[in-house]
C-alpha atoms as a PDB file:
ATOM      1  CA  UNK A   1       0.000   0.000   0.000  1.00  0.00           C
ATOM      2  CA  UNK A   2       1.315   3.454  -0.839  1.00  0.00           C
ATOM      3  CA  UNK A   3       2.156   5.602   2.224  1.00  0.00           C
ATOM      4  CA  UNK A   4      -0.438   8.223   3.001  1.00  0.00           C
ATOM      5  CA  UNK A   5       0.985  11.664   2.394  1.00  0.00           C
ATOM      6  CA  UNK A   6      -2.136  13.767   1.994  1.00  0.00           C
ATOM      7  CA  UNK A   7      -2.197  14.959   5.591  1.00  0.00           C
ATOM      8  CA  UNK A   8      -3.739  18.317   6.310  1.00  0.00           C
ATOM      9  CA  UNK A   9      -3.131  18.266  10.077  1.00  0.00           C
ATOM     10  CA  UNK A  10       0.573  17.634   9.679  1.00  0.00           C
ATOM     11  CA  UNK A  11       0.990  21.350   9.028  1.00  0.00           C
ATOM     12  CA  UNK A  12      -0.765  21.950  12.311  1.00  0.00           C
ATOM     13  CA  UNK A  13       1.440  19.405  14.060  1.00  0.00           C
ATOM     14  CA  UNK A  14       4.622  20.734  12.529  1.00  0.00           C
ATOM     15  CA  UNK A  15       3.851  24.261  13.570  1.00  0.00           C
ATOM     16  CA  UNK A  16       2.661  23.260  17.010  1.00  0.00           C
ATOM     17  CA  UNK A  17       5.840  21.327  17.713  1.00  0.00           C
ATOM     18  CA  UNK A  18       7.795  24.539  17.856  1.00  0.00           C
ATOM     19  CA  UNK A  19       5.413  26.648  19.919  1.00  0.00           C
ATOM     20  CA  UNK A  20       6.356  27.867  23.406  1.00  0.00           C
ATOM     21  CA  UNK A  21       3.134  29.227  24.889  1.00  0.00           C
ATOM     22  CA  UNK A  22      -0.534  28.317  25.101  1.00  0.00           C
ATOM     23  CA  UNK A  23      -1.940  31.323  23.245  1.00  0.00           C
ATOM     24  CA  UNK A  24      -1.462  31.056  19.481  1.00  0.00           C
ATOM     25  CA  UNK A  25      -1.234  34.823  18.953  1.00  0.00           C
ATOM     26  CA  UNK A  26       1.665  34.988  21.427  1.00  0.00           C
ATOM     27  CA  UNK A  27       3.593  32.038  20.078  1.00  0.00           C
ATOM     28  CA  UNK A  28       3.198  33.132  16.480  1.00  0.00           C
ATOM     29  CA  UNK A  29       4.618  36.531  17.364  1.00  0.00           C
ATOM     30  CA  UNK A  30       7.406  35.066  19.493  1.00  0.00           C
ATOM     31  CA  UNK A  31       8.549  32.778  16.709  1.00  0.00           C
ATOM     32  CA  UNK A  32       8.128  35.295  13.918  1.00  0.00           C
ATOM     33  CA  UNK A  33       5.435  33.255  12.192  1.00  0.00           C
ATOM     34  CA  UNK A  34       2.917  35.670  10.703  1.00  0.00           C
ATOM     35  CA  UNK A  35      -0.725  34.720  10.819  1.00  0.00           C
ATOM     36  CA  UNK A  36      -0.840  35.274   7.060  1.00  0.00           C
ATOM     37  CA  UNK A  37       1.964  32.733   6.576  1.00  0.00           C
ATOM     38  CA  UNK A  38       0.171  30.183   8.733  1.00  0.00           C
ATOM     39  CA  UNK A  39      -3.065  30.742   6.808  1.00  0.00           C
ATOM     40  CA  UNK A  40      -1.234  30.346   3.505  1.00  0.00           C
ATOM     41  CA  UNK A  41       0.210  27.034   4.697  1.00  0.00           C
ATOM     42  CA  UNK A  42      -3.261  25.844   5.701  1.00  0.00           C
ATOM     43  CA  UNK A  43      -4.534  26.488   2.163  1.00  0.00           C
ATOM     44  CA  UNK A  44      -1.534  24.745   0.622  1.00  0.00           C
ATOM     45  CA  UNK A  45      -1.902  21.724   2.879  1.00  0.00           C
ATOM     46  CA  UNK A  46      -5.558  21.364   2.068  1.00  0.00           C
ATOM     47  CA  UNK A  47      -5.102  21.319  -1.708  1.00  0.00           C
ATOM     48  CA  UNK A  48      -1.623  19.792  -2.079  1.00  0.00           C
ATOM     49  CA  UNK A  49      -1.969  16.159  -3.210  1.00  0.00           C
ATOM     50  CA  UNK A  50       1.422  14.834  -2.091  1.00  0.00           C
ATOM     51  CA  UNK A  51       3.023  16.498   0.913  1.00  0.00           C
ATOM     52  CA  UNK A  52       2.630  19.059   3.582  1.00  0.00           C
ATOM     53  CA  UNK A  53       4.214  22.496   3.807  1.00  0.00           C
ATOM     54  CA  UNK A  54       5.790  24.187   6.770  1.00  0.00           C
ATOM     55  CA  UNK A  55       9.210  25.777   6.420  1.00  0.00           C
ATOM     56  CA  UNK A  56      10.939  26.012   9.783  1.00  0.00           C
ATOM     57  CA  UNK A  57      13.583  28.665  10.385  1.00  0.00           C
ATOM     58  CA  UNK A  58      16.703  28.511  12.557  1.00  0.00           C
ATOM     59  CA  UNK A  59      14.815  30.549  15.154  1.00  0.00           C
ATOM     60  CA  UNK A  60      11.994  28.025  15.222  1.00  0.00           C
ATOM     61  CA  UNK A  61      14.432  25.142  15.544  1.00  0.00           C
ATOM     62  CA  UNK A  62      16.231  26.881  18.401  1.00  0.00           C
ATOM     63  CA  UNK A  63      12.963  27.447  20.224  1.00  0.00           C
ATOM     64  CA  UNK A  64      11.993  23.828  19.613  1.00  0.00           C
ATOM     65  CA  UNK A  65      14.931  22.636  21.667  1.00  0.00           C
ATOM     66  CA  UNK A  66      13.633  24.702  24.590  1.00  0.00           C
ATOM     67  CA  UNK A  67      10.082  23.439  24.360  1.00  0.00           C
ATOM     68  CA  UNK A  68       9.092  21.403  27.466  1.00  0.00           C
ATOM     69  CA  UNK A  69       7.449  18.127  26.592  1.00  0.00           C
ATOM     70  CA  UNK A  70       4.654  18.909  29.039  1.00  0.00           C
ATOM     71  CA  UNK A  71       3.498  21.909  26.975  1.00  0.00           C
ATOM     72  CA  UNK A  72       3.313  20.251  23.569  1.00  0.00           C
ATOM     73  CA  UNK A  73      -0.193  18.789  23.844  1.00  0.00           C
ATOM     74  CA  UNK A  74      -1.656  22.093  25.060  1.00  0.00           C
ATOM     75  CA  UNK A  75       0.083  23.892  22.227  1.00  0.00           C
ATOM     76  CA  UNK A  76      -1.378  21.494  19.661  1.00  0.00           C
ATOM     77  CA  UNK A  77      -4.834  22.125  21.051  1.00  0.00           C
ATOM     78  CA  UNK A  78      -4.391  25.913  21.007  1.00  0.00           C
ATOM     79  CA  UNK A  79      -3.086  26.130  17.471  1.00  0.00           C
ATOM     80  CA  UNK A  80      -5.689  23.626  16.331  1.00  0.00           C
ATOM     81  CA  UNK A  81      -8.418  26.005  17.421  1.00  0.00           C
ATOM     82  CA  UNK A  82      -6.722  28.823  15.519  1.00  0.00           C
ATOM     83  CA  UNK A  83      -6.554  26.773  12.322  1.00  0.00           C
ATOM     84  CA  UNK A  84     -10.128  25.535  12.615  1.00  0.00           C
ATOM     85  CA  UNK A  85     -11.483  29.041  13.236  1.00  0.00           C
ATOM     86  CA  UNK A  86      -9.737  30.246  10.092  1.00  0.00           C
ATOM     87  CA  UNK A  87     -10.898  27.311   7.930  1.00  0.00           C
ATOM     88  CA  UNK A  88     -14.500  27.856   9.048  1.00  0.00           C
ATOM     89  CA  UNK A  89     -14.386  31.600   8.280  1.00  0.00           C
ATOM     90  CA  UNK A  90     -15.799  33.402   5.249  1.00  0.00           C
ATOM     91  CA  UNK A  91     -12.284  34.738   4.601  1.00  0.00           C
ATOM     92  CA  UNK A  92     -10.947  31.236   4.009  1.00  0.00           C
ATOM     93  CA  UNK A  93     -13.942  30.379   1.842  1.00  0.00           C
ATOM     94  CA  UNK A  94     -13.238  33.391  -0.371  1.00  0.00           C
ATOM     95  CA  UNK A  95      -9.511  32.641  -0.580  1.00  0.00           C
ATOM     96  CA  UNK A  96     -10.259  29.014  -1.433  1.00  0.00           C
ATOM     97  CA  UNK A  97     -12.523  30.044  -4.319  1.00  0.00           C
ATOM     98  CA  UNK A  98     -10.025  32.612  -5.608  1.00  0.00           C
ATOM     99  CA  UNK A  99      -7.254  30.027  -5.586  1.00  0.00           C
ATOM    100  CA  UNK A 100      -9.546  27.444  -7.158  1.00  0.00           C
ATOM    101  CA  UNK A 101     -10.360  29.745 -10.076  1.00  0.00           C
ATOM    102  CA  UNK A 102      -6.681  29.809 -11.017  1.00  0.00           C
ATOM    103  CA  UNK A 103      -6.746  26.030 -11.305  1.00  0.00           C
ATOM    104  CA  UNK A 104     -10.202  25.822 -12.905  1.00  0.00           C
ATOM    105  CA  UNK A 105     -10.620  29.145 -14.779  1.00  0.00           C
ATOM    106  CA  UNK A 106     -13.787  30.178 -16.553  1.00  0.00           C
ATOM    107  CA  UNK A 107     -14.817  33.261 -18.533  1.00  0.00           C
ATOM    108  CA  UNK A 108     -17.307  35.371 -16.582  1.00  0.00           C
ATOM    109  CA  UNK A 109     -18.363  37.065 -19.815  1.00  0.00           C
ATOM    110  CA  UNK A 110     -20.595  34.066 -20.491  1.00  0.00           C
ATOM    111  CA  UNK A 111     -22.120  33.828 -17.027  1.00  0.00           C
ATOM    112  CA  UNK A 112     -25.947  34.022 -16.881  1.00  0.00           C
ATOM    113  CA  UNK A 113     -25.701  37.477 -15.314  1.00  0.00           C
ATOM    114  CA  UNK A 114     -23.459  38.882 -18.039  1.00  0.00           C
ATOM    115  CA  UNK A 115     -25.461  37.214 -20.806  1.00  0.00           C
ATOM    116  CA  UNK A 116     -28.593  38.868 -19.419  1.00  0.00           C
ATOM    117  CA  UNK A 117     -26.780  42.215 -19.397  1.00  0.00           C
ATOM    118  CA  UNK A 118     -25.653  41.678 -22.987  1.00  0.00           C
ATOM    119  CA  UNK A 119     -29.242  40.918 -23.986  1.00  0.00           C
ATOM    120  CA  UNK A 120     -30.416  44.163 -22.398  1.00  0.00           C
ATOM    121  CA  UNK A 121     -27.783  46.054 -24.375  1.00  0.00           C
ATOM    122  CA  UNK A 122     -28.840  44.189 -27.529  1.00  0.00           C
ATOM    123  CA  UNK A 123     -32.478  45.144 -26.979  1.00  0.00           C
ATOM    124  CA  UNK A 124     -31.508  48.766 -26.390  1.00  0.00           C
ATOM    125  CA  UNK A 125     -29.498  48.678 -29.619  1.00  0.00           C
ATOM    126  CA  UNK A 126     -32.550  47.412 -31.509  1.00  0.00           C
ATOM    127  CA  UNK A 127     -34.554  50.415 -30.333  1.00  0.00           C
ATOM    128  CA  UNK A 128     -31.784  52.754 -31.478  1.00  0.00           C
ATOM    129  CA  UNK A 129     -31.516  50.939 -34.824  1.00  0.00           C
ATOM    130  CA  UNK A 130     -35.221  51.332 -35.444  1.00  0.00           C
ATOM    131  CA  UNK A 131     -34.818  55.073 -34.996  1.00  0.00           C
ATOM    132  CA  UNK A 132     -31.918  55.111 -37.446  1.00  0.00           C
ATOM    133  CA  UNK A 133     -33.969  53.213 -40.032  1.00  0.00           C
ATOM    134  CA  UNK A 134     -36.654  55.859 -39.797  1.00  0.00           C
ATOM    135  CA  UNK A 135     -34.094  58.562 -40.657  1.00  0.00           C
ATOM    136  CA  UNK A 136     -32.265  56.587 -43.350  1.00  0.00           C
ATOM    137  CA  UNK A 137     -34.519  57.642 -46.259  1.00  0.00           C
ATOM    138  CA  UNK A 138     -34.046  61.302 -45.402  1.00  0.00           C
ATOM    139  CA  UNK A 139     -30.261  60.915 -45.128  1.00  0.00           C
ATOM    140  CA  UNK A 140     -29.939  59.056 -48.443  1.00  0.00           C
ATOM    141  CA  UNK A 141     -32.120  61.580 -50.254  1.00  0.00           C
ATOM    142  CA  UNK A 142     -29.324  64.131 -49.866  1.00  0.00           C
ATOM    143  CA  UNK A 143     -26.643  61.855 -51.387  1.00  0.00           C
ATOM    144  CA  UNK A 144     -25.609  62.133 -55.039  1.00  0.00           C
ATOM    145  CA  UNK A 145     -25.959  58.609 -56.611  1.00  0.00           C
ATOM    146  CA  UNK A 146     -22.661  58.800 -58.536  1.00  0.00           C
ATOM    147  CA  UNK A 147     -20.690  60.075 -55.532  1.00  0.00           C
ATOM    148  CA  UNK A 148     -22.218  57.383 -53.301  1.00  0.00           C
ATOM    149  CA  UNK A 149     -21.345  54.645 -55.793  1.00  0.00           C
ATOM    150  CA  UNK A 150     -17.799  55.957 -56.176  1.00  0.00           C
ATOM    151  CA  UNK A 151     -17.288  56.093 -52.420  1.00  0.00           C
ATOM    152  CA  UNK A 152     -18.544  52.533 -51.851  1.00  0.00           C
ATOM    153  CA  UNK A 153     -16.428  51.214 -54.736  1.00  0.00           C
ATOM    154  CA  UNK A 154     -13.282  52.799 -53.240  1.00  0.00           C
ATOM    155  CA  UNK A 155     -13.934  50.971 -49.953  1.00  0.00           C
ATOM    156  CA  UNK A 156     -14.283  47.571 -51.620  1.00  0.00           C
ATOM    157  CA  UNK A 157     -10.541  46.577 -51.613  1.00  0.00           C
ATOM    158  CA  UNK A 158     -10.283  47.268 -47.870  1.00  0.00           C
ATOM    159  CA  UNK A 159     -13.432  45.239 -47.204  1.00  0.00           C
ATOM    160  CA  UNK A 160     -11.929  42.321 -49.129  1.00  0.00           C
ATOM    161  CA  UNK A 161      -8.677  42.510 -47.129  1.00  0.00           C
ATOM    162  CA  UNK A 162     -10.619  42.282 -43.859  1.00  0.00           C
ATOM    163  CA  UNK A 163     -11.961  38.854 -44.788  1.00  0.00           C
ATOM    164  CA  UNK A 164      -8.583  37.237 -44.110  1.00  0.00           C
ATOM    165  CA  UNK A 165      -8.777  38.186 -40.420  1.00  0.00           C
ATOM    166  CA  UNK A 166     -12.297  36.802 -39.936  1.00  0.00           C
ATOM    167  CA  UNK A 167     -13.561  33.295 -39.295  1.00  0.00           C
ATOM    168  CA  UNK A 168     -16.766  31.354 -38.813  1.00  0.00           C
ATOM    169  CA  UNK A 169     -20.068  33.175 -39.144  1.00  0.00           C
ATOM    170  CA  UNK A 170     -18.399  36.582 -39.468  1.00  0.00           C
ATOM    171  CA  UNK A 171     -16.302  35.487 -42.443  1.00  0.00           C
ATOM    172  CA  UNK A 172     -19.324  33.905 -44.147  1.00  0.00           C
ATOM    173  CA  UNK A 173     -21.462  37.006 -43.683  1.00  0.00           C
ATOM    174  CA  UNK A 174     -18.725  39.393 -44.827  1.00  0.00           C
ATOM    175  CA  UNK A 175     -18.024  37.286 -47.946  1.00  0.00           C
ATOM    176  CA  UNK A 176     -21.725  37.302 -48.811  1.00  0.00           C
ATOM    177  CA  UNK A 177     -21.915  41.074 -48.249  1.00  0.00           C
ATOM    178  CA  UNK A 178     -19.004  41.758 -50.621  1.00  0.00           C
ATOM    179  CA  UNK A 179     -20.505  39.512 -53.314  1.00  0.00           C
ATOM    180  CA  UNK A 180     -23.835  41.348 -53.038  1.00  0.00           C
ATOM    181  CA  UNK A 181     -22.042  44.684 -53.079  1.00  0.00           C
ATOM    182  CA  UNK A 182     -20.189  43.866 -56.301  1.00  0.00           C
ATOM    183  CA  UNK A 183     -23.463  42.998 -58.013  1.00  0.00           C
ATOM    184  CA  UNK A 184     -25.016  46.302 -56.965  1.00  0.00           C
ATOM    185  CA  UNK A 185     -21.937  48.284 -58.030  1.00  0.00           C
ATOM    186  CA  UNK A 186     -22.369  46.967 -61.585  1.00  0.00           C
ATOM    187  CA  UNK A 187     -25.711  48.831 -61.834  1.00  0.00           C
ATOM    188  CA  UNK A 188     -26.225  52.421 -62.985  1.00  0.00           C
ATOM    189  CA  UNK A 189     -25.642  54.935 -60.190  1.00  0.00           C
ATOM    190  CA  UNK A 190     -29.349  55.715 -59.593  1.00  0.00           C
ATOM    191  CA  UNK A 191     -30.282  52.014 -59.429  1.00  0.00           C
ATOM    192  CA  UNK A 192     -27.290  51.328 -57.198  1.00  0.00           C
ATOM    193  CA  UNK A 193     -28.402  53.979 -54.730  1.00  0.00           C
ATOM    194  CA  UNK A 194     -31.921  52.587 -54.584  1.00  0.00           C
ATOM    195  CA  UNK A 195     -30.836  48.956 -54.160  1.00  0.00           C
ATOM    196  CA  UNK A 196     -28.053  49.811 -51.716  1.00  0.00           C
ATOM    197  CA  UNK A 197     -30.511  51.636 -49.443  1.00  0.00           C
ATOM    198  CA  UNK A 198     -32.919  48.711 -49.587  1.00  0.00           C
ATOM    199  CA  UNK A 199     -30.057  46.302 -48.870  1.00  0.00           C
ATOM    200  CA  UNK A 200     -28.881  48.260 -45.832  1.00  0.00           C
ATOM    201  CA  UNK A 201     -32.413  48.298 -44.436  1.00  0.00           C
ATOM    202  CA  UNK A 202     -32.759  44.566 -44.994  1.00  0.00           C
ATOM    203  CA  UNK A 203     -29.441  43.912 -43.258  1.00  0.00           C
ATOM    204  CA  UNK A 204     -30.379  46.136 -40.341  1.00  0.00           C
ATOM    205  CA  UNK A 205     -33.736  44.427 -39.871  1.00  0.00           C
ATOM    206  CA  UNK A 206     -32.033  41.030 -40.092  1.00  0.00           C
ATOM    207  CA  UNK A 207     -29.560  42.005 -37.380  1.00  0.00           C
ATOM    208  CA  UNK A 208     -32.375  43.351 -35.225  1.00  0.00           C
ATOM    209  CA  UNK A 209     -34.225  40.059 -35.563  1.00  0.00           C
ATOM    210  CA  UNK A 210     -31.234  38.002 -34.396  1.00  0.00           C
ATOM    211  CA  UNK A 211     -31.384  36.973 -30.751  1.00  0.00           C
ATOM    212  CA  UNK A 212     -28.597  38.140 -28.479  1.00  0.00           C
ATOM    213  CA  UNK A 213     -25.700  35.759 -27.744  1.00  0.00           C
ATOM    214  CA  UNK A 214     -26.468  33.693 -30.867  1.00  0.00           C
ATOM    215  CA  UNK A 215     -23.270  34.014 -32.890  1.00  0.00           C
ATOM    216  CA  UNK A 216     -21.017  31.025 -33.401  1.00  0.00           C
ATOM    217  CA  UNK A 217     -18.461  32.548 -31.034  1.00  0.00           C
ATOM    218  CA  UNK A 218     -21.172  33.122 -28.425  1.00  0.00           C
ATOM    219  CA  UNK A 219     -22.438  29.567 -28.691  1.00  0.00           C
ATOM    220  CA  UNK A 220     -18.926  28.188 -28.327  1.00  0.00           C
ATOM    221  CA  UNK A 221     -18.230  30.543 -25.426  1.00  0.00           C
ATOM    222  CA  UNK A 222     -21.416  29.566 -23.606  1.00  0.00           C
ATOM    223  CA  UNK A 223     -20.693  25.847 -24.048  1.00  0.00           C
ATOM    224  CA  UNK A 224     -17.117  26.319 -22.857  1.00  0.00           C
ATOM    225  CA  UNK A 225     -18.274  28.391 -19.860  1.00  0.00           C
ATOM    226  CA  UNK A 226     -20.766  25.738 -18.790  1.00  0.00           C
ATOM    227  CA  UNK A 227     -18.137  23.001 -18.977  1.00  0.00           C
ATOM    228  CA  UNK A 228     -15.492  25.007 -17.121  1.00  0.00           C
ATOM    229  CA  UNK A 229     -17.947  26.293 -14.515  1.00  0.00           C
ATOM    230  CA  UNK A 230     -19.120  22.730 -13.868  1.00  0.00           C
ATOM    231  CA  UNK A 231     -15.513  21.691 -13.207  1.00  0.00           C
ATOM    232  CA  UNK A 232     -15.058  24.659 -10.880  1.00  0.00           C
ATOM    233  CA  UNK A 233     -18.308  23.966  -9.015  1.00  0.00           C
ATOM    234  CA  UNK A 234     -17.349  20.309  -8.587  1.00  0.00           C
ATOM    235  CA  UNK A 235     -14.365  21.422  -6.487  1.00  0.00           C
ATOM    236  CA  UNK A 236     -15.887  24.500  -4.857  1.00  0.00           C
ATOM    237  CA  UNK A 237     -16.834  22.697  -1.654  1.00  0.00           C
ATOM    238  CA  UNK A 238     -13.592  21.989   0.197  1.00  0.00           C
ATOM    239  CA  UNK A 239     -15.268  20.020   3.000  1.00  0.00           C
ATOM    240  CA  UNK A 240     -14.989  16.583   1.316  1.00  0.00           C
ATOM    241  CA  UNK A 241     -11.263  17.211   0.874  1.00  0.00           C
ATOM    242  CA  UNK A 242     -10.969  18.434   4.463  1.00  0.00           C
ATOM    243  CA  UNK A 243     -12.689  15.273   5.704  1.00  0.00           C
ATOM    244  CA  UNK A 244     -10.221  13.152   3.739  1.00  0.00           C
ATOM    245  CA  UNK A 245      -7.229  15.042   5.144  1.00  0.00           C
ATOM    246  CA  UNK A 246      -8.520  14.583   8.691  1.00  0.00           C
ATOM    247  CA  UNK A 247      -9.292  10.898   8.164  1.00  0.00           C
ATOM    248  CA  UNK A 248      -5.872  10.293   6.603  1.00  0.00           C
ATOM    249  CA  UNK A 249      -4.205  11.878   9.611  1.00  0.00           C
ATOM    250  CA  UNK A 250      -6.265   9.874  12.095  1.00  0.00           C
ATOM    251  CA  UNK A 251      -5.374   6.618  10.353  1.00  0.00           C
ATOM    252  CA  UNK A 252      -1.677   7.441  10.157  1.00  0.00           C
ATOM    253  CA  UNK A 253      -1.430   8.603  13.769  1.00  0.00           C
ATOM    254  CA  UNK A 254      -3.156   5.412  14.923  1.00  0.00           C
ATOM    255  CA  UNK A 255      -0.511   3.352  13.147  1.00  0.00           C
ATOM    256  CA  UNK A 256       2.486   4.895  14.929  1.00  0.00           C
ATOM    257  CA  UNK A 257       4.220   2.656  17.482  1.00  0.00           C
ATOM    258  CA  UNK A 258       5.572   5.072  20.065  1.00  0.00           C
ATOM    259  CA  UNK A 259       7.238   2.178  21.886  1.00  0.00           C
ATOM    260  CA  UNK A 260       9.417   1.435  18.875  1.00  0.00           C
ATOM    261  CA  UNK A 261      13.096   1.060  19.790  1.00  0.00           C
ATOM    262  CA  UNK A 262      15.930   2.974  18.161  1.00  0.00           C
ATOM    263  CA  UNK A 263      19.447   1.626  17.755  1.00  0.00           C
ATOM    264  CA  UNK A 264      22.699   3.407  16.810  1.00  0.00           C
ATOM    265  CA  UNK A 265      23.586   3.112  13.142  1.00  0.00           C
ATOM    266  CA  UNK A 266      26.782   4.990  12.433  1.00  0.00           C
ATOM    267  CA  UNK A 267      26.240   8.661  13.239  1.00  0.00           C
ATOM    268  CA  UNK A 268      22.455   8.232  13.225  1.00  0.00           C
ATOM    269  CA  UNK A 269      19.799   6.276  15.001  1.00  0.00           C
ATOM    270  CA  UNK A 270      17.491   3.950  13.149  1.00  0.00           C
ATOM    271  CA  UNK A 271      14.549   1.772  14.080  1.00  0.00           C
ATOM    272  CA  UNK A 272      15.441  -1.667  15.322  1.00  0.00           C
ATOM    273  CA  UNK A 273      12.433  -3.002  13.436  1.00  0.00           C
ATOM    274  CA  UNK A 274      13.270  -2.808   9.699  1.00  0.00           C
ATOM    275  CA  UNK A 275       9.561  -2.446   8.884  1.00  0.00           C
ATOM    276  CA  UNK A 276       9.520   0.840  10.779  1.00  0.00           C
ATOM    277  CA  UNK A 277      12.638   2.002   8.999  1.00  0.00           C
ATOM    278  CA  UNK A 278      10.700   1.798   5.729  1.00  0.00           C
ATOM    279  CA  UNK A 279       7.810   3.880   7.050  1.00  0.00           C
ATOM    280  CA  UNK A 280       7.117   7.236   5.327  1.00  0.00           C
ATOM    281  CA  UNK A 281       8.624  10.453   6.633  1.00  0.00           C
ATOM    282  CA  UNK A 282       5.267  11.537   8.086  1.00  0.00           C
ATOM    283  CA  UNK A 283       5.059   8.398  10.237  1.00  0.00           C
ATOM    284  CA  UNK A 284       8.587   8.984  11.546  1.00  0.00           C
ATOM    285  CA  UNK A 285       7.792  12.620  12.190  1.00  0.00           C
ATOM    286  CA  UNK A 286       4.842  11.693  14.397  1.00  0.00           C
ATOM    287  CA  UNK A 287       7.034   9.210  16.238  1.00  0.00           C
ATOM    288  CA  UNK A 288       9.577  11.959  16.993  1.00  0.00           C
ATOM    289  CA  UNK A 289       6.862  14.379  18.013  1.00  0.00           C
ATOM    290  CA  UNK A 290       5.749  12.079  20.801  1.00  0.00           C
ATOM    291  CA  UNK A 291       2.727  10.191  22.003  1.00  0.00           C
ATOM    292  CA  UNK A 292       0.924  12.935  23.965  1.00  0.00           C
ATOM    293  CA  UNK A 293       0.908  15.729  21.354  1.00  0.00           C
ATOM    294  CA  UNK A 294      -0.015  13.253  18.610  1.00  0.00           C
ATOM    295  CA  UNK A 295      -2.853  11.895  20.737  1.00  0.00           C
ATOM    296  CA  UNK A 296      -4.071  15.461  21.288  1.00  0.00           C
ATOM    297  CA  UNK A 297      -3.915  16.192  17.557  1.00  0.00           C
ATOM    298  CA  UNK A 298      -5.756  12.963  16.776  1.00  0.00           C
ATOM    299  CA  UNK A 299      -8.458  13.786  19.320  1.00  0.00           C
ATOM    300  CA  UNK A 300      -8.800  17.249  17.804  1.00  0.00           C
ATOM    301  CA  UNK A 301      -9.022  15.783  14.290  1.00  0.00           C
ATOM    302  CA  UNK A 302     -11.611  13.215  15.373  1.00  0.00           C
ATOM    303  CA  UNK A 303     -13.825  15.888  16.917  1.00  0.00           C
ATOM    304  CA  UNK A 304     -13.511  18.139  13.878  1.00  0.00           C
ATOM    305  CA  UNK A 305     -14.313  15.241  11.563  1.00  0.00           C
ATOM    306  CA  UNK A 306     -17.355  14.298  13.657  1.00  0.00           C
ATOM    307  CA  UNK A 307     -18.617  17.887  13.521  1.00  0.00           C
ATOM    308  CA  UNK A 308     -18.242  17.918   9.734  1.00  0.00           C
ATOM    309  CA  UNK A 309     -20.518  14.885   9.496  1.00  0.00           C
END
């Protein structure tokens, strides 16, 4: 069986090992461990699939050597309360979701709220377009047919160059527009003006009739948003992962033999039982930490796990 390494409470245990007072705010300050750093480590330990994070400094290691064994269990309990209070806060929930979005990103532009806003803007644009259609006849009446035809013909090469940068529905529509335009430009100027006005009106009414968010890009964006948002939502609740971390720790701590004997092996000490020597680093860490603080951490984890259920 692979050694269990997904242990959320090991960060708690590692930190608590070095603490020198019962109040977490005091010990964090004394050891130079900022609350922000501790909170960051909690988040990392919850999501990290392989190992736990807690980087001790020389100051922490020095203080560890001064730590009375009798204070370790109380320290575990105190820091445990600090960690649990943070994990159960709205601040942690928000930080969890922000971090999660980096791993499972999605485009908010296609959220239901933003699509509804886009539809409102589309509807407002339709109202404005209807007003422009009403004024189009008057505006075109003032245009000289020959000058209008000449101006549109001069724009044709640029319109054709734009096609290369388009794709999908936009490219198809622009290609069709240019083909229609070339046919109209072959007519006498007066006929061109008449047909061009009618064509613009037809195009405008067609655009007004299209529902919002119905382009090929929109459809692809909406489908992609739904898929990505579903992946995000599937991981949004961190409690199942928290339960697993707690259960993993409980099982590992129960497996530690604190009566195991050490024997000299060169400049080091190793377990007399070769099976213990092959145990994972986390198991050996709990052994070094000692029976009482580990029992306190296990009791804390068991109560937390029970409350989550």
